[in-house]
Amino acid sequence: MIATRGSRAGSWPPLLGLVVAFLLLFAWQRSRSTFLRIEADREAAGALAAEHGLTVAEVFALRDLVGVDAAAGRWQAAVARFAADGGFAGADPALLARRFEMLRDRFGGRDAAR
């Protein structure tokens, strides 16, 4: 049987559907990214870093430790306490130090790429 041009759609409709699904999932994932939400506060982080003598990567790491949904005052208090103490009181220092170093390196790598 000879196929005519209009009798078969080919493979592009399923491929187009997969591309659309991928783009929708990608957009959904980016909208939920705490990393991107933290970086959106770059101006506030830069001001806090300059005020307390810290790097922006350190301030970003503290923002992640405090929680991206936490009030800005809580973040500012954590930055001030970190700058004054050089560490966190009342918590497991080894765990917090490891997490802080990982986040600082993560945000610092993004800073260096800009």
N, C-alpha and C. Protein backbone atom coordinates (compact mmCIF):
# COMPACT_ATOMS: atom_id res chain seq x y z
N MET A 1 0.85 -1.18 0.00
CA MET A 1 0.00 0.00 0.00
C MET A 1 0.89 1.24 0.00
N ILE A 2 0.55 2.17 -0.79
CA ILE A 2 1.32 3.40 -0.92
C ILE A 2 0.71 4.44 0.03
N ALA A 3 1.56 4.99 0.90
CA ALA A 3 1.08 6.00 1.84
C ALA A 3 1.04 7.35 1.16
N THR A 4 -0.04 8.02 1.33
CA THR A 4 -0.12 9.37 0.79
C THR A 4 0.38 10.36 1.83
N ARG A 5 0.63 11.51 1.40
CA ARG A 5 1.22 12.52 2.27
C ARG A 5 0.35 12.82 3.51
N GLY A 6 -0.93 12.85 3.41
CA GLY A 6 -1.82 13.20 4.51
C GLY A 6 -2.27 12.02 5.35
N SER A 7 -1.93 10.81 4.98
CA SER A 7 -2.45 9.66 5.72
C SER A 7 -1.66 9.34 6.98
N ARG A 8 -0.47 9.85 7.09
CA ARG A 8 0.35 9.53 8.27
C ARG A 8 1.06 10.80 8.76
N ALA A 9 0.95 11.07 10.05
CA ALA A 9 1.49 12.31 10.59
C ALA A 9 3.00 12.25 10.80
N GLY A 10 3.56 11.08 10.93
CA GLY A 10 4.99 10.96 11.17
C GLY A 10 5.31 11.01 12.65
N SER A 11 6.56 11.27 12.95
CA SER A 11 6.99 11.23 14.35
C SER A 11 7.03 12.61 15.01
N TRP A 12 6.76 13.66 14.29
CA TRP A 12 6.89 14.98 14.90
C TRP A 12 5.84 15.29 15.96
N PRO A 13 4.57 14.83 15.88
CA PRO A 13 3.63 15.15 16.97
C PRO A 13 4.06 14.58 18.33
N PRO A 14 4.48 13.31 18.42
CA PRO A 14 4.95 12.83 19.72
C PRO A 14 6.21 13.56 20.19
N LEU A 15 7.10 13.87 19.26
CA LEU A 15 8.32 14.60 19.64
C LEU A 15 7.98 16.00 20.12
N LEU A 16 7.05 16.65 19.47
CA LEU A 16 6.62 17.98 19.89
C LEU A 16 5.99 17.91 21.28
N GLY A 17 5.20 16.87 21.52
CA GLY A 17 4.60 16.68 22.84
C GLY A 17 5.65 16.48 23.91
N LEU A 18 6.70 15.72 23.61
CA LEU A 18 7.79 15.51 24.57
C LEU A 18 8.56 16.80 24.84
N VAL A 19 8.78 17.59 23.82
CA VAL A 19 9.47 18.87 24.00
C VAL A 19 8.65 19.81 24.88
N VAL A 20 7.36 19.88 24.63
CA VAL A 20 6.47 20.73 25.43
C VAL A 20 6.46 20.25 26.88
N ALA A 21 6.35 18.93 27.08
CA ALA A 21 6.36 18.39 28.44
C ALA A 21 7.68 18.71 29.14
N PHE A 22 8.79 18.57 28.44
CA PHE A 22 10.09 18.89 29.02
C PHE A 22 10.16 20.36 29.43
N LEU A 23 9.73 21.25 28.54
CA LEU A 23 9.78 22.68 28.85
C LEU A 23 8.89 23.04 30.03
N LEU A 24 7.73 22.43 30.12
CA LEU A 24 6.84 22.69 31.26
C LEU A 24 7.46 22.19 32.56
N LEU A 25 8.03 20.99 32.54
CA LEU A 25 8.69 20.46 33.75
C LEU A 25 9.91 21.29 34.13
N PHE A 26 10.65 21.75 33.15
CA PHE A 26 11.82 22.58 33.41
C PHE A 26 11.40 23.90 34.06
N ALA A 27 10.36 24.51 33.52
CA ALA A 27 9.88 25.78 34.09
C ALA A 27 9.35 25.56 35.51
N TRP A 28 8.65 24.47 35.75
CA TRP A 28 8.14 24.16 37.09
C TRP A 28 9.30 23.97 38.06
N GLN A 29 10.33 23.23 37.64
CA GLN A 29 11.48 22.99 38.51
C GLN A 29 12.19 24.30 38.85
N ARG A 30 12.39 25.16 37.88
CA ARG A 30 13.05 26.44 38.14
C ARG A 30 12.23 27.32 39.06
N SER A 31 10.91 27.24 38.95
CA SER A 31 10.06 28.08 39.82
C SER A 31 10.13 27.63 41.27
N ARG A 32 10.52 26.39 41.52
CA ARG A 32 10.62 25.86 42.88
C ARG A 32 12.05 25.90 43.42
N SER A 33 12.99 26.39 42.66
CA SER A 33 14.39 26.37 43.05
C SER A 33 14.67 27.38 44.17
N THR A 34 15.09 26.88 45.32
CA THR A 34 15.47 27.78 46.41
C THR A 34 16.75 28.52 46.06
N PHE A 35 17.62 27.88 45.32
CA PHE A 35 18.88 28.51 44.91
C PHE A 35 18.61 29.79 44.12
N LEU A 36 17.70 29.73 43.16
CA LEU A 36 17.39 30.91 42.35
C LEU A 36 16.63 31.96 43.17
N ARG A 37 15.80 31.51 44.11
CA ARG A 37 15.09 32.46 44.97
C ARG A 37 16.06 33.19 45.88
N ILE A 38 17.08 32.50 46.37
CA ILE A 38 18.08 33.14 47.21
C ILE A 38 18.89 34.14 46.37
N GLU A 39 19.28 33.75 45.17
CA GLU A 39 20.05 34.66 44.32
C GLU A 39 19.26 35.88 43.89
N ALA A 40 17.95 35.81 43.93
CA ALA A 40 17.13 36.97 43.57
C ALA A 40 17.32 38.11 44.56
N ASP A 41 17.79 37.80 45.77
CA ASP A 41 18.06 38.81 46.79
C ASP A 41 19.50 39.31 46.75
N ARG A 42 20.11 39.33 45.57
CA ARG A 42 21.52 39.69 45.44
C ARG A 42 21.81 41.09 45.98
N GLU A 43 20.94 42.05 45.74
CA GLU A 43 21.19 43.42 46.22
C GLU A 43 21.20 43.47 47.74
N ALA A 44 20.21 42.83 48.36
CA ALA A 44 20.15 42.81 49.82
C ALA A 44 21.33 42.05 50.40
N ALA A 45 21.72 40.97 49.74
CA ALA A 45 22.86 40.18 50.21
C ALA A 45 24.15 40.99 50.08
N GLY A 46 24.30 41.73 49.00
CA GLY A 46 25.48 42.57 48.82
C GLY A 46 25.58 43.65 49.89
N ALA A 47 24.43 44.25 50.22
CA ALA A 47 24.42 45.28 51.27
C ALA A 47 24.77 44.68 52.63
N LEU A 48 24.19 43.50 52.93
CA LEU A 48 24.51 42.85 54.21
C LEU A 48 25.98 42.43 54.27
N ALA A 49 26.49 41.93 53.17
CA ALA A 49 27.89 41.50 53.13
C ALA A 49 28.82 42.69 53.36
N ALA A 50 28.54 43.79 52.71
CA ALA A 50 29.37 44.98 52.88
C ALA A 50 29.27 45.53 54.30
N GLU A 51 28.08 45.51 54.85
CA GLU A 51 27.86 46.03 56.20
C GLU A 51 28.60 45.23 57.26
N HIS A 52 28.68 43.91 57.06
CA HIS A 52 29.27 43.04 58.09
C HIS A 52 30.64 42.48 57.72
N GLY A 53 31.18 42.89 56.58
CA GLY A 53 32.51 42.43 56.20
C GLY A 53 32.56 40.97 55.78
N LEU A 54 31.49 40.48 55.17
CA LEU A 54 31.43 39.09 54.70
C LEU A 54 31.37 39.08 53.18
N THR A 55 31.52 37.90 52.61
CA THR A 55 31.35 37.77 51.16
C THR A 55 29.87 37.53 50.86
N VAL A 56 29.48 37.82 49.64
CA VAL A 56 28.09 37.59 49.24
C VAL A 56 27.77 36.10 49.32
N ALA A 57 28.73 35.25 48.98
CA ALA A 57 28.52 33.80 49.05
C ALA A 57 28.22 33.36 50.49
N GLU A 58 28.90 33.96 51.46
CA GLU A 58 28.64 33.63 52.87
C GLU A 58 27.23 34.06 53.27
N VAL A 59 26.82 35.24 52.82
CA VAL A 59 25.49 35.74 53.15
C VAL A 59 24.42 34.88 52.49
N PHE A 60 24.66 34.44 51.25
CA PHE A 60 23.74 33.53 50.58
C PHE A 60 23.64 32.21 51.33
N ALA A 61 24.77 31.69 51.78
CA ALA A 61 24.78 30.42 52.52
C ALA A 61 23.98 30.56 53.82
N LEU A 62 24.12 31.69 54.48
CA LEU A 62 23.35 31.93 55.70
C LEU A 62 21.86 32.03 55.39
N ARG A 63 21.54 32.61 54.25
CA ARG A 63 20.12 32.71 53.85
C ARG A 63 19.53 31.31 53.68
N ASP A 64 20.31 30.41 53.10
CA ASP A 64 19.82 29.04 52.92
C ASP A 64 19.69 28.33 54.26
N LEU A 65 20.62 28.57 55.17
CA LEU A 65 20.56 27.94 56.49
C LEU A 65 19.35 28.44 57.29
N VAL A 66 19.05 29.72 57.19
CA VAL A 66 17.92 30.31 57.91
C VAL A 66 16.61 29.84 57.27
N GLY A 67 16.62 29.71 55.96
CA GLY A 67 15.43 29.29 55.22
C GLY A 67 15.01 30.39 54.27
N VAL A 68 14.75 30.02 53.05
CA VAL A 68 14.42 31.01 52.04
C VAL A 68 13.09 31.70 52.32
N ASP A 69 12.20 31.03 53.05
CA ASP A 69 10.89 31.62 53.36
C ASP A 69 10.89 32.38 54.69
N ALA A 70 12.01 32.38 55.39
CA ALA A 70 12.09 33.09 56.68
C ALA A 70 12.05 34.60 56.44
N ALA A 71 11.63 35.32 57.46
CA ALA A 71 11.56 36.78 57.37
C ALA A 71 12.96 37.36 57.17
N ALA A 72 13.02 38.49 56.50
CA ALA A 72 14.30 39.14 56.23
C ALA A 72 15.01 39.51 57.53
N GLY A 73 14.27 39.87 58.55
CA GLY A 73 14.87 40.23 59.84
C GLY A 73 15.61 39.06 60.47
N ARG A 74 15.06 37.87 60.30
CA ARG A 74 15.73 36.67 60.83
C ARG A 74 17.05 36.42 60.09
N TRP A 75 17.04 36.63 58.78
CA TRP A 75 18.25 36.48 57.98
C TRP A 75 19.29 37.52 58.39
N GLN A 76 18.86 38.76 58.55
CA GLN A 76 19.78 39.83 58.94
C GLN A 76 20.37 39.56 60.32
N ALA A 77 19.56 39.04 61.23
CA ALA A 77 20.05 38.72 62.57
C ALA A 77 21.08 37.59 62.51
N ALA A 78 20.84 36.60 61.66
CA ALA A 78 21.80 35.50 61.52
C ALA A 78 23.12 35.99 60.94
N VAL A 79 23.05 36.90 59.98
CA VAL A 79 24.27 37.46 59.39
C VAL A 79 25.03 38.26 60.43
N ALA A 80 24.32 39.08 61.20
CA ALA A 80 24.98 39.88 62.23
C ALA A 80 25.62 38.99 63.29
N ARG A 81 24.90 37.95 63.70
CA ARG A 81 25.44 37.03 64.71
C ARG A 81 26.64 36.28 64.17
N PHE A 82 26.57 35.85 62.93
CA PHE A 82 27.69 35.14 62.32
C PHE A 82 28.91 36.04 62.24
N ALA A 83 28.70 37.28 61.83
CA ALA A 83 29.83 38.21 61.71
C ALA A 83 30.43 38.51 63.08
N ALA A 84 29.60 38.64 64.08
CA ALA A 84 30.10 38.96 65.43
C ALA A 84 30.78 37.76 66.09
N ASP A 85 30.18 36.57 65.95
CA ASP A 85 30.69 35.38 66.62
C ASP A 85 31.66 34.57 65.78
N GLY A 86 31.48 34.62 64.48
CA GLY A 86 32.28 33.77 63.61
C GLY A 86 31.79 32.33 63.62
N GLY A 87 30.62 32.09 64.14
CA GLY A 87 30.06 30.74 64.18
C GLY A 87 28.65 30.76 64.71
N PHE A 88 28.08 29.59 64.93
CA PHE A 88 26.71 29.48 65.40
C PHE A 88 26.68 28.87 66.78
N ALA A 89 26.06 29.54 67.72
CA ALA A 89 25.94 29.02 69.08
C ALA A 89 24.66 28.18 69.20
N GLY A 90 24.72 27.16 70.04
CA GLY A 90 23.54 26.37 70.32
C GLY A 90 23.20 25.33 69.28
N ALA A 91 24.11 25.00 68.40
CA ALA A 91 23.84 23.98 67.38
C ALA A 91 25.08 23.11 67.22
N ASP A 92 24.92 22.00 66.53
CA ASP A 92 26.04 21.10 66.30
C ASP A 92 27.04 21.81 65.38
N PRO A 93 28.18 22.24 65.90
CA PRO A 93 29.10 23.04 65.10
C PRO A 93 29.66 22.28 63.89
N ALA A 94 29.91 20.99 64.03
CA ALA A 94 30.49 20.24 62.91
C ALA A 94 29.51 20.17 61.74
N LEU A 95 28.24 19.91 62.05
CA LEU A 95 27.24 19.81 61.00
C LEU A 95 27.01 21.16 60.33
N LEU A 96 26.86 22.20 61.13
CA LEU A 96 26.64 23.52 60.56
C LEU A 96 27.85 24.01 59.77
N ALA A 97 29.04 23.73 60.27
CA ALA A 97 30.24 24.16 59.56
C ALA A 97 30.33 23.47 58.20
N ARG A 98 30.04 22.19 58.16
CA ARG A 98 30.10 21.44 56.90
C ARG A 98 29.06 21.98 55.91
N ARG A 99 27.84 22.17 56.39
CA ARG A 99 26.77 22.68 55.52
C ARG A 99 27.11 24.09 55.05
N PHE A 100 27.60 24.92 55.94
CA PHE A 100 27.95 26.29 55.58
C PHE A 100 29.04 26.31 54.51
N GLU A 101 30.09 25.50 54.70
CA GLU A 101 31.19 25.47 53.73
C GLU A 101 30.70 24.99 52.36
N MET A 102 29.83 23.99 52.36
CA MET A 102 29.30 23.49 51.10
C MET A 102 28.50 24.58 50.38
N LEU A 103 27.64 25.27 51.13
CA LEU A 103 26.83 26.32 50.52
C LEU A 103 27.66 27.51 50.09
N ARG A 104 28.65 27.88 50.88
CA ARG A 104 29.51 29.00 50.51
C ARG A 104 30.24 28.68 49.22
N ASP A 105 30.75 27.45 49.10
CA ASP A 105 31.45 27.05 47.87
C ASP A 105 30.50 27.02 46.68
N ARG A 106 29.27 26.57 46.92
CA ARG A 106 28.27 26.51 45.85
C ARG A 106 27.94 27.90 45.34
N PHE A 107 27.64 28.81 46.28
CA PHE A 107 27.31 30.17 45.85
C PHE A 107 28.54 30.92 45.36
N GLY A 108 29.70 30.64 45.94
CA GLY A 108 30.94 31.27 45.51
C GLY A 108 31.30 30.89 44.09
N GLY A 109 31.04 29.64 43.73
CA GLY A 109 31.29 29.19 42.36
C GLY A 109 30.42 29.91 41.36
N ARG A 110 29.17 30.17 41.74
CA ARG A 110 28.27 30.91 40.87
C ARG A 110 28.72 32.36 40.74
N ASP A 111 29.23 32.94 41.85
CA ASP A 111 29.71 34.32 41.83
C ASP A 111 30.91 34.47 40.91
N ALA A 112 31.83 33.50 40.96
CA ALA A 112 33.04 33.57 40.15
C ALA A 112 32.72 33.44 38.66
N ALA A 113 31.63 32.74 38.34
CA ALA A 113 31.27 32.55 36.94
C ALA A 113 30.68 33.81 36.32
N ARG A 114 30.25 34.73 37.13
CA ARG A 114 29.62 35.97 36.60
C ARG A 114 30.64 36.92 36.19
